[in-house]
Amino acid sequence: GPAELLALLAVLKVGDNAYGVPVADAIREATGRDVLLGSVYVTLERLERKGLMTSRRGDPTPERGGRAKR
């Protein structure tokens, strides 16, 4: 659907270090519309289940309270 296409294009634009926040920012820049971060994560997970993309866990960072990015 349109949300999946926008998410795929945003991931391509952001590059290898794409995760939810930069992907949402790229979608917002491209469309001029507000994007709910939760909907971005749901869409990215759906794309991964369909085999259209893969994810990996990054190292934990102090900025994220010791949590890792996916």
PDB file of N, CA and C in Angstrom:
ATOM      1  N   GLY A   1       0.802  -1.183   0.000  1.00  0.00           N
ATOM      2  CA  GLY A   1       0.000   0.000   0.000  1.00  0.00           C
ATOM      3  C   GLY A   1       0.849   1.252   0.000  1.00  0.00           C
ATOM      4  N   PRO A   2       0.223   2.390   0.014  1.00  0.00           N
ATOM      5  CA  PRO A   2       0.943   3.667  -0.023  1.00  0.00           C
ATOM      6  C   PRO A   2       1.879   3.870   1.168  1.00  0.00           C
ATOM      7  N   ALA A   3       1.461   3.459   2.362  1.00  0.00           N
ATOM      8  CA  ALA A   3       2.325   3.620   3.541  1.00  0.00           C
ATOM      9  C   ALA A   3       3.589   2.790   3.395  1.00  0.00           C
ATOM     10  N   GLU A   4       3.453   1.582   2.880  1.00  0.00           N
ATOM     11  CA  GLU A   4       4.621   0.728   2.695  1.00  0.00           C
ATOM     12  C   GLU A   4       5.568   1.300   1.648  1.00  0.00           C
ATOM     13  N   LEU A   5       5.018   1.824   0.576  1.00  0.00           N
ATOM     14  CA  LEU A   5       5.854   2.427  -0.462  1.00  0.00           C
ATOM     15  C   LEU A   5       6.604   3.632   0.087  1.00  0.00           C
ATOM     16  N   LEU A   6       5.911   4.485   0.814  1.00  0.00           N
ATOM     17  CA  LEU A   6       6.578   5.651   1.414  1.00  0.00           C
ATOM     18  C   LEU A   6       7.682   5.215   2.373  1.00  0.00           C
ATOM     19  N   ALA A   7       7.427   4.193   3.175  1.00  0.00           N
ATOM     20  CA  ALA A   7       8.431   3.715   4.122  1.00  0.00           C
ATOM     21  C   ALA A   7       9.648   3.144   3.384  1.00  0.00           C
ATOM     22  N   LEU A   8       9.417   2.364   2.345  1.00  0.00           N
ATOM     23  CA  LEU A   8      10.534   1.816   1.561  1.00  0.00           C
ATOM     24  C   LEU A   8      11.370   2.926   0.936  1.00  0.00           C
ATOM     25  N   LEU A   9      10.715   3.907   0.362  1.00  0.00           N
ATOM     26  CA  LEU A   9      11.432   5.023  -0.251  1.00  0.00           C
ATOM     27  C   LEU A   9      12.203   5.826   0.791  1.00  0.00           C
ATOM     28  N   ALA A  10      11.607   6.001   1.965  1.00  0.00           N
ATOM     29  CA  ALA A  10      12.287   6.727   3.035  1.00  0.00           C
ATOM     30  C   ALA A  10      13.520   5.967   3.519  1.00  0.00           C
ATOM     31  N   VAL A  11      13.410   4.645   3.637  1.00  0.00           N
ATOM     32  CA  VAL A  11      14.560   3.834   4.051  1.00  0.00           C
ATOM     33  C   VAL A  11      15.677   3.962   3.018  1.00  0.00           C
ATOM     34  N   LEU A  12      15.333   3.928   1.762  1.00  0.00           N
ATOM     35  CA  LEU A  12      16.347   4.098   0.718  1.00  0.00           C
ATOM     36  C   LEU A  12      17.017   5.460   0.816  1.00  0.00           C
ATOM     37  N   LYS A  13      16.230   6.479   1.092  1.00  0.00           N
ATOM     38  CA  LYS A  13      16.774   7.835   1.199  1.00  0.00           C
ATOM     39  C   LYS A  13      17.690   7.971   2.408  1.00  0.00           C
ATOM     40  N   VAL A  14      17.268   7.419   3.546  1.00  0.00           N
ATOM     41  CA  VAL A  14      18.031   7.554   4.783  1.00  0.00           C
ATOM     42  C   VAL A  14      19.297   6.712   4.739  1.00  0.00           C
ATOM     43  N   GLY A  15      19.217   5.532   4.169  1.00  0.00           N
ATOM     44  CA  GLY A  15      20.402   4.687   4.021  1.00  0.00           C
ATOM     45  C   GLY A  15      20.507   3.600   5.069  1.00  0.00           C
ATOM     46  N   ASP A  16      21.722   3.091   5.245  1.00  0.00           N
ATOM     47  CA  ASP A  16      21.968   1.925   6.093  1.00  0.00           C
ATOM     48  C   ASP A  16      21.587   2.125   7.552  1.00  0.00           C
ATOM     49  N   ASN A  17      21.650   3.338   8.045  1.00  0.00           N
ATOM     50  CA  ASN A  17      21.352   3.590   9.453  1.00  0.00           C
ATOM     51  C   ASN A  17      19.916   4.046   9.660  1.00  0.00           C
ATOM     52  N   ALA A  18      19.034   3.602   8.790  1.00  0.00           N
ATOM     53  CA  ALA A  18      17.626   3.988   8.894  1.00  0.00           C
ATOM     54  C   ALA A  18      16.974   3.269  10.069  1.00  0.00           C
ATOM     55  N   TYR A  19      16.322   4.029  10.897  1.00  0.00           N
ATOM     56  CA  TYR A  19      15.464   3.484  11.941  1.00  0.00           C
ATOM     57  C   TYR A  19      14.254   4.396  12.030  1.00  0.00           C
ATOM     58  N   GLY A  20      13.348   4.136  12.931  1.00  0.00           N
ATOM     59  CA  GLY A  20      12.041   4.779  12.939  1.00  0.00           C
ATOM     60  C   GLY A  20      12.018   6.287  12.824  1.00  0.00           C
ATOM     61  N   VAL A  21      12.807   6.985  13.645  1.00  0.00           N
ATOM     62  CA  VAL A  21      12.741   8.446  13.672  1.00  0.00           C
ATOM     63  C   VAL A  21      13.204   9.069  12.348  1.00  0.00           C
ATOM     64  N   PRO A  22      14.378   8.708  11.819  1.00  0.00           N
ATOM     65  CA  PRO A  22      14.772   9.292  10.536  1.00  0.00           C
ATOM     66  C   PRO A  22      13.845   8.905   9.384  1.00  0.00           C
ATOM     67  N   VAL A  23      13.288   7.700   9.441  1.00  0.00           N
ATOM     68  CA  VAL A  23      12.343   7.281   8.401  1.00  0.00           C
ATOM     69  C   VAL A  23      11.091   8.148   8.481  1.00  0.00           C
ATOM     70  N   ALA A  24      10.585   8.369   9.683  1.00  0.00           N
ATOM     71  CA  ALA A  24       9.414   9.233   9.855  1.00  0.00           C
ATOM     72  C   ALA A  24       9.720  10.647   9.388  1.00  0.00           C
ATOM     73  N   ASP A  25      10.908  11.149   9.704  1.00  0.00           N
ATOM     74  CA  ASP A  25      11.302  12.489   9.258  1.00  0.00           C
ATOM     75  C   ASP A  25      11.352  12.578   7.739  1.00  0.00           C
ATOM     76  N   ALA A  26      11.896  11.547   7.088  1.00  0.00           N
ATOM     77  CA  ALA A  26      11.973  11.541   5.627  1.00  0.00           C
ATOM     78  C   ALA A  26      10.584  11.511   4.996  1.00  0.00           C
ATOM     79  N   ILE A  27       9.675  10.744   5.584  1.00  0.00           N
ATOM     80  CA  ILE A  27       8.298  10.700   5.075  1.00  0.00           C
ATOM     81  C   ILE A  27       7.642  12.061   5.256  1.00  0.00           C
ATOM     82  N   ARG A  28       7.849  12.675   6.411  1.00  0.00           N
ATOM     83  CA  ARG A  28       7.284  13.995   6.706  1.00  0.00           C
ATOM     84  C   ARG A  28       7.800  15.045   5.705  1.00  0.00           C
ATOM     85  N   GLU A  29       9.107  15.000   5.426  1.00  0.00           N
ATOM     86  CA  GLU A  29       9.700  15.938   4.465  1.00  0.00           C
ATOM     87  C   GLU A  29       9.134  15.740   3.063  1.00  0.00           C
ATOM     88  N   ALA A  30       8.961  14.488   2.675  1.00  0.00           N
ATOM     89  CA  ALA A  30       8.499  14.188   1.319  1.00  0.00           C
ATOM     90  C   ALA A  30       7.026  14.518   1.112  1.00  0.00           C
ATOM     91  N   THR A  31       6.223  14.337   2.168  1.00  0.00           N
ATOM     92  CA  THR A  31       4.781  14.496   2.003  1.00  0.00           C
ATOM     93  C   THR A  31       4.231  15.782   2.599  1.00  0.00           C
ATOM     94  N   GLY A  32       4.965  16.369   3.550  1.00  0.00           N
ATOM     95  CA  GLY A  32       4.465  17.543   4.236  1.00  0.00           C
ATOM     96  C   GLY A  32       3.374  17.225   5.242  1.00  0.00           C
ATOM     97  N   ARG A  33       3.233  15.954   5.585  1.00  0.00           N
ATOM     98  CA  ARG A  33       2.185  15.523   6.519  1.00  0.00           C
ATOM     99  C   ARG A  33       2.813  14.994   7.797  1.00  0.00           C
ATOM    100  N   ASP A  34       2.077  15.134   8.907  1.00  0.00           N
ATOM    101  CA  ASP A  34       2.530  14.555  10.167  1.00  0.00           C
ATOM    102  C   ASP A  34       2.480  13.036  10.074  1.00  0.00           C
ATOM    103  N   VAL A  35       3.446  12.401  10.716  1.00  0.00           N
ATOM    104  CA  VAL A  35       3.545  10.949  10.687  1.00  0.00           C
ATOM    105  C   VAL A  35       3.629  10.448  12.123  1.00  0.00           C
ATOM    106  N   LEU A  36       2.784   9.497  12.477  1.00  0.00           N
ATOM    107  CA  LEU A  36       2.862   8.894  13.799  1.00  0.00           C
ATOM    108  C   LEU A  36       4.000   7.883  13.823  1.00  0.00           C
ATOM    109  N   LEU A  37       4.886   8.035  14.786  1.00  0.00           N
ATOM    110  CA  LEU A  37       6.047   7.159  14.870  1.00  0.00           C
ATOM    111  C   LEU A  37       5.640   5.698  15.021  1.00  0.00           C
ATOM    112  N   GLY A  38       4.592   5.450  15.778  1.00  0.00           N
ATOM    113  CA  GLY A  38       4.115   4.073  15.950  1.00  0.00           C
ATOM    114  C   GLY A  38       3.699   3.443  14.636  1.00  0.00           C
ATOM    115  N   SER A  39       3.067   4.228  13.758  1.00  0.00           N
ATOM    116  CA  SER A  39       2.653   3.679  12.467  1.00  0.00           C
ATOM    117  C   SER A  39       3.858   3.380  11.578  1.00  0.00           C
ATOM    118  N   VAL A  40       4.927   4.151  11.736  1.00  0.00           N
ATOM    119  CA  VAL A  40       6.150   3.879  10.972  1.00  0.00           C
ATOM    120  C   VAL A  40       6.735   2.542  11.412  1.00  0.00           C
ATOM    121  N   TYR A  41       6.818   2.329  12.732  1.00  0.00           N
ATOM    122  CA  TYR A  41       7.369   1.062  13.223  1.00  0.00           C
ATOM    123  C   TYR A  41       6.521  -0.129  12.792  1.00  0.00           C
ATOM    124  N   VAL A  42       5.220   0.010  12.840  1.00  0.00           N
ATOM    125  CA  VAL A  42       4.331  -1.079  12.407  1.00  0.00           C
ATOM    126  C   VAL A  42       4.557  -1.379  10.926  1.00  0.00           C
ATOM    127  N   THR A  43       4.670  -0.336  10.129  1.00  0.00           N
ATOM    128  CA  THR A  43       4.883  -0.514   8.686  1.00  0.00           C
ATOM    129  C   THR A  43       6.229  -1.163   8.413  1.00  0.00           C
ATOM    130  N   LEU A  44       7.282  -0.721   9.110  1.00  0.00           N
ATOM    131  CA  LEU A  44       8.609  -1.316   8.916  1.00  0.00           C
ATOM    132  C   LEU A  44       8.605  -2.791   9.303  1.00  0.00           C
ATOM    133  N   GLU A  45       7.928  -3.144  10.385  1.00  0.00           N
ATOM    134  CA  GLU A  45       7.842  -4.550  10.786  1.00  0.00           C
ATOM    135  C   GLU A  45       7.075  -5.370   9.754  1.00  0.00           C
ATOM    136  N   ARG A  46       6.018  -4.797   9.196  1.00  0.00           N
ATOM    137  CA  ARG A  46       5.239  -5.499   8.163  1.00  0.00           C
ATOM    138  C   ARG A  46       6.099  -5.739   6.922  1.00  0.00           C
ATOM    139  N   LEU A  47       6.888  -4.758   6.536  1.00  0.00           N
ATOM    140  CA  LEU A  47       7.773  -4.916   5.374  1.00  0.00           C
ATOM    141  C   LEU A  47       8.820  -5.997   5.631  1.00  0.00           C
ATOM    142  N   GLU A  48       9.292  -6.062   6.866  1.00  0.00           N
ATOM    143  CA  GLU A  48      10.270  -7.097   7.184  1.00  0.00           C
ATOM    144  C   GLU A  48       9.628  -8.486   7.144  1.00  0.00           C
ATOM    145  N   ARG A  49       8.418  -8.621   7.673  1.00  0.00           N
ATOM    146  CA  ARG A  49       7.712  -9.917   7.622  1.00  0.00           C
ATOM    147  C   ARG A  49       7.477 -10.360   6.187  1.00  0.00           C
ATOM    148  N   LYS A  50       7.253  -9.413   5.290  1.00  0.00           N
ATOM    149  CA  LYS A  50       7.032  -9.736   3.880  1.00  0.00           C
ATOM    150  C   LYS A  50       8.340 -10.037   3.146  1.00  0.00           C
ATOM    151  N   GLY A  51       9.472  -9.855   3.821  1.00  0.00           N
ATOM    152  CA  GLY A  51      10.766 -10.134   3.203  1.00  0.00           C
ATOM    153  C   GLY A  51      11.279  -9.023   2.322  1.00  0.00           C
ATOM    154  N   LEU A  52      10.707  -7.826   2.438  1.00  0.00           N
ATOM    155  CA  LEU A  52      11.122  -6.708   1.598  1.00  0.00           C
ATOM    156  C   LEU A  52      12.275  -5.915   2.195  1.00  0.00           C
ATOM    157  N   MET A  53      12.578  -6.171   3.463  1.00  0.00           N
ATOM    158  CA  MET A  53      13.710  -5.517   4.109  1.00  0.00           C
ATOM    159  C   MET A  53      14.119  -6.352   5.316  1.00  0.00           C
ATOM    160  N   THR A  54      15.289  -6.079   5.843  1.00  0.00           N
ATOM    161  CA  THR A  54      15.761  -6.751   7.050  1.00  0.00           C
ATOM    162  C   THR A  54      16.176  -5.692   8.064  1.00  0.00           C
ATOM    163  N   SER A  55      16.267  -6.109   9.311  1.00  0.00           N
ATOM    164  CA  SER A  55      16.706  -5.191  10.347  1.00  0.00           C
ATOM    165  C   SER A  55      17.783  -5.863  11.178  1.00  0.00           C
ATOM    166  N   ARG A  56      18.457  -5.054  11.947  1.00  0.00           N
ATOM    167  CA  ARG A  56      19.469  -5.549  12.875  1.00  0.00           C
ATOM    168  C   ARG A  56      19.480  -4.615  14.077  1.00  0.00           C
ATOM    169  N   ARG A  57      19.981  -5.108  15.178  1.00  0.00           N
ATOM    170  CA  ARG A  57      20.094  -4.288  16.391  1.00  0.00           C
ATOM    171  C   ARG A  57      21.449  -3.592  16.391  1.00  0.00           C
ATOM    172  N   GLY A  58      21.426  -2.311  16.707  1.00  0.00           N
ATOM    173  CA  GLY A  58      22.659  -1.550  16.847  1.00  0.00           C
ATOM    174  C   GLY A  58      23.149  -1.614  18.285  1.00  0.00           C
ATOM    175  N   ASP A  59      24.226  -0.936  18.538  1.00  0.00           N
ATOM    176  CA  ASP A  59      24.767  -0.878  19.894  1.00  0.00           C
ATOM    177  C   ASP A  59      23.921   0.060  20.748  1.00  0.00           C
ATOM    178  N   PRO A  60      23.797  -0.239  22.036  1.00  0.00           N
ATOM    179  CA  PRO A  60      23.087   0.679  22.934  1.00  0.00           C
ATOM    180  C   PRO A  60      23.819   2.024  22.999  1.00  0.00           C
ATOM    181  N   THR A  61      23.064   3.106  23.114  1.00  0.00           N
ATOM    182  CA  THR A  61      23.662   4.433  23.185  1.00  0.00           C
ATOM    183  C   THR A  61      23.153   5.165  24.420  1.00  0.00           C
ATOM    184  N   PRO A  62      23.998   6.014  24.999  1.00  0.00           N
ATOM    185  CA  PRO A  62      23.563   6.794  26.162  1.00  0.00           C
ATOM    186  C   PRO A  62      22.385   7.700  25.855  1.00  0.00           C
ATOM    187  N   GLU A  63      22.329   8.232  24.625  1.00  0.00           N
ATOM    188  CA  GLU A  63      21.229   9.123  24.230  1.00  0.00           C
ATOM    189  C   GLU A  63      19.877   8.416  24.294  1.00  0.00           C
ATOM    190  N   ARG A  64      19.891   7.117  24.133  1.00  0.00           N
ATOM    191  CA  ARG A  64      18.654   6.340  24.156  1.00  0.00           C
ATOM    192  C   ARG A  64      18.467   5.642  25.498  1.00  0.00           C
ATOM    193  N   GLY A  65      19.162   6.107  26.521  1.00  0.00           N
ATOM    194  CA  GLY A  65      19.021   5.501  27.837  1.00  0.00           C
ATOM    195  C   GLY A  65      19.575   4.083  27.903  1.00  0.00           C
ATOM    196  N   GLY A  66      20.577   3.806  27.075  1.00  0.00           N
ATOM    197  CA  GLY A  66      21.185   2.485  27.055  1.00  0.00           C
ATOM    198  C   GLY A  66      20.476   1.473  26.186  1.00  0.00           C
ATOM    199  N   ARG A  67      19.438   1.916  25.481  1.00  0.00           N
ATOM    200  CA  ARG A  67      18.710   0.990  24.601  1.00  0.00           C
ATOM    201  C   ARG A  67      19.334   0.987  23.208  1.00  0.00           C
ATOM    202  N   ALA A  68      19.212  -0.127  22.533  1.00  0.00           N
ATOM    203  CA  ALA A  68      19.759  -0.281  21.180  1.00  0.00           C
ATOM    204  C   ALA A  68      18.727   0.144  20.145  1.00  0.00           C
ATOM    205  N   LYS A  69      19.204   0.643  19.018  1.00  0.00           N
ATOM    206  CA  LYS A  69      18.336   0.937  17.869  1.00  0.00           C
ATOM    207  C   LYS A  69      18.139  -0.343  17.082  1.00  0.00           C
ATOM    208  N   ARG A  70      17.011  -0.429  16.394  1.00  0.00           N
ATOM    209  CA  ARG A  70      16.766  -1.578  15.529  1.00  0.00           C
ATOM    210  C   ARG A  70      16.702  -1.069  14.114  1.00  0.00           C
TER     211      ARG A  70
END
